[in-house]
């Protein structure tokens, strides 16, 4: 197959009407990828929340330790 035939074949393939099964399969793959990305974002957000909860606790403890007489602010 020549370069010209190859290009023509690819153009023809890109312009043909897709079957219902092809459309559904493509959307399913996109939905699965989006779900994986969202799950990764949730994991990251949970770790940020946990980090900041621990940080707040540590800072509150240090603040109490360094106030006069150990009084909370």
C-alpha atoms as a PDB file:
ATOM      1  CA  UNK A   1       0.000   0.000   0.000  1.00  0.00           C
ATOM      2  CA  UNK A   2       1.413   3.355  -1.007  1.00  0.00           C
ATOM      3  CA  UNK A   3       1.590   6.425   1.185  1.00  0.00           C
ATOM      4  CA  UNK A   4      -1.222   8.037  -0.809  1.00  0.00           C
ATOM      5  CA  UNK A   5      -3.481   4.984  -0.464  1.00  0.00           C
ATOM      6  CA  UNK A   6      -2.770   4.848   3.247  1.00  0.00           C
ATOM      7  CA  UNK A   7      -3.743   8.521   3.722  1.00  0.00           C
ATOM      8  CA  UNK A   8      -6.869   8.066   1.613  1.00  0.00           C
ATOM      9  CA  UNK A   9      -7.891   4.983   3.597  1.00  0.00           C
ATOM     10  CA  UNK A  10      -7.385   6.803   6.921  1.00  0.00           C
ATOM     11  CA  UNK A  11      -9.430   9.813   5.755  1.00  0.00           C
ATOM     12  CA  UNK A  12     -12.192   7.554   4.526  1.00  0.00           C
ATOM     13  CA  UNK A  13     -12.225   5.704   7.884  1.00  0.00           C
ATOM     14  CA  UNK A  14     -12.406   8.977   9.824  1.00  0.00           C
ATOM     15  CA  UNK A  15     -15.315  10.270   7.765  1.00  0.00           C
ATOM     16  CA  UNK A  16     -17.521   7.177   7.796  1.00  0.00           C
ATOM     17  CA  UNK A  17     -20.561   7.024  10.058  1.00  0.00           C
ATOM     18  CA  UNK A  18     -19.849   5.229  13.313  1.00  0.00           C
ATOM     19  CA  UNK A  19     -21.994   2.321  14.450  1.00  0.00           C
ATOM     20  CA  UNK A  20     -24.020   2.567  17.631  1.00  0.00           C
ATOM     21  CA  UNK A  21     -21.743  -0.013  19.243  1.00  0.00           C
ATOM     22  CA  UNK A  22     -18.634   2.047  18.400  1.00  0.00           C
ATOM     23  CA  UNK A  23     -20.198   5.205  19.845  1.00  0.00           C
ATOM     24  CA  UNK A  24     -21.260   3.445  23.046  1.00  0.00           C
ATOM     25  CA  UNK A  25     -17.844   1.779  23.442  1.00  0.00           C
ATOM     26  CA  UNK A  26     -16.059   5.110  23.055  1.00  0.00           C
ATOM     27  CA  UNK A  27     -18.315   6.816  25.616  1.00  0.00           C
ATOM     28  CA  UNK A  28     -17.898   3.894  28.021  1.00  0.00           C
ATOM     29  CA  UNK A  29     -14.092   4.189  27.833  1.00  0.00           C
ATOM     30  CA  UNK A  30     -14.332   7.952  28.424  1.00  0.00           C
ATOM     31  CA  UNK A  31     -16.650   7.453  31.419  1.00  0.00           C
ATOM     32  CA  UNK A  32     -14.307   4.851  32.929  1.00  0.00           C
ATOM     33  CA  UNK A  33     -11.326   7.166  32.505  1.00  0.00           C
ATOM     34  CA  UNK A  34     -13.226  10.087  34.044  1.00  0.00           C
ATOM     35  CA  UNK A  35     -14.209   7.893  36.991  1.00  0.00           C
ATOM     36  CA  UNK A  36     -10.593   6.856  37.571  1.00  0.00           C
ATOM     37  CA  UNK A  37      -9.469  10.477  37.463  1.00  0.00           C
ATOM     38  CA  UNK A  38     -12.206  11.485  39.925  1.00  0.00           C
ATOM     39  CA  UNK A  39     -11.259   8.645  42.275  1.00  0.00           C
ATOM     40  CA  UNK A  40      -7.654   9.844  42.205  1.00  0.00           C
ATOM     41  CA  UNK A  41      -8.824  13.368  43.017  1.00  0.00           C
ATOM     42  CA  UNK A  42     -10.864  12.030  45.955  1.00  0.00           C
ATOM     43  CA  UNK A  43      -7.835  10.130  47.289  1.00  0.00           C
ATOM     44  CA  UNK A  44      -5.730  13.268  47.040  1.00  0.00           C
ATOM     45  CA  UNK A  45      -8.378  15.453  48.698  1.00  0.00           C
ATOM     46  CA  UNK A  46      -8.765  12.977  51.571  1.00  0.00           C
ATOM     47  CA  UNK A  47      -5.015  13.009  52.161  1.00  0.00           C
ATOM     48  CA  UNK A  48      -4.998  16.830  52.209  1.00  0.00           C
ATOM     49  CA  UNK A  49      -7.828  16.851  54.759  1.00  0.00           C
ATOM     50  CA  UNK A  50      -6.038  14.310  56.960  1.00  0.00           C
ATOM     51  CA  UNK A  51      -2.779  16.253  56.721  1.00  0.00           C
ATOM     52  CA  UNK A  52      -4.464  19.511  57.747  1.00  0.00           C
ATOM     53  CA  UNK A  53      -6.383  17.871  60.604  1.00  0.00           C
ATOM     54  CA  UNK A  54      -3.100  16.543  62.010  1.00  0.00           C
ATOM     55  CA  UNK A  55      -1.424  19.898  61.459  1.00  0.00           C
ATOM     56  CA  UNK A  56      -4.230  21.773  63.247  1.00  0.00           C
ATOM     57  CA  UNK A  57      -4.038  19.393  66.199  1.00  0.00           C
ATOM     58  CA  UNK A  58      -0.265  19.763  66.421  1.00  0.00           C
ATOM     59  CA  UNK A  59      -0.410  23.567  66.170  1.00  0.00           C
ATOM     60  CA  UNK A  60      -3.180  23.831  68.772  1.00  0.00           C
ATOM     61  CA  UNK A  61      -1.141  21.677  71.138  1.00  0.00           C
ATOM     62  CA  UNK A  62       1.959  23.844  70.616  1.00  0.00           C
ATOM     63  CA  UNK A  63      -0.070  27.017  71.098  1.00  0.00           C
ATOM     64  CA  UNK A  64      -1.374  25.757  74.454  1.00  0.00           C
ATOM     65  CA  UNK A  65       2.154  24.741  75.497  1.00  0.00           C
ATOM     66  CA  UNK A  66       3.520  28.206  74.706  1.00  0.00           C
ATOM     67  CA  UNK A  67       0.788  30.364  76.267  1.00  0.00           C
ATOM     68  CA  UNK A  68       1.348  31.683  79.736  1.00  0.00           C
ATOM     69  CA  UNK A  69       0.140  29.190  82.286  1.00  0.00           C
ATOM     70  CA  UNK A  70      -0.967  26.740  79.588  1.00  0.00           C
ATOM     71  CA  UNK A  71      -4.295  28.535  79.012  1.00  0.00           C
ATOM     72  CA  UNK A  72      -5.986  27.815  75.688  1.00  0.00           C
ATOM     73  CA  UNK A  73      -6.620  30.715  73.343  1.00  0.00           C
END
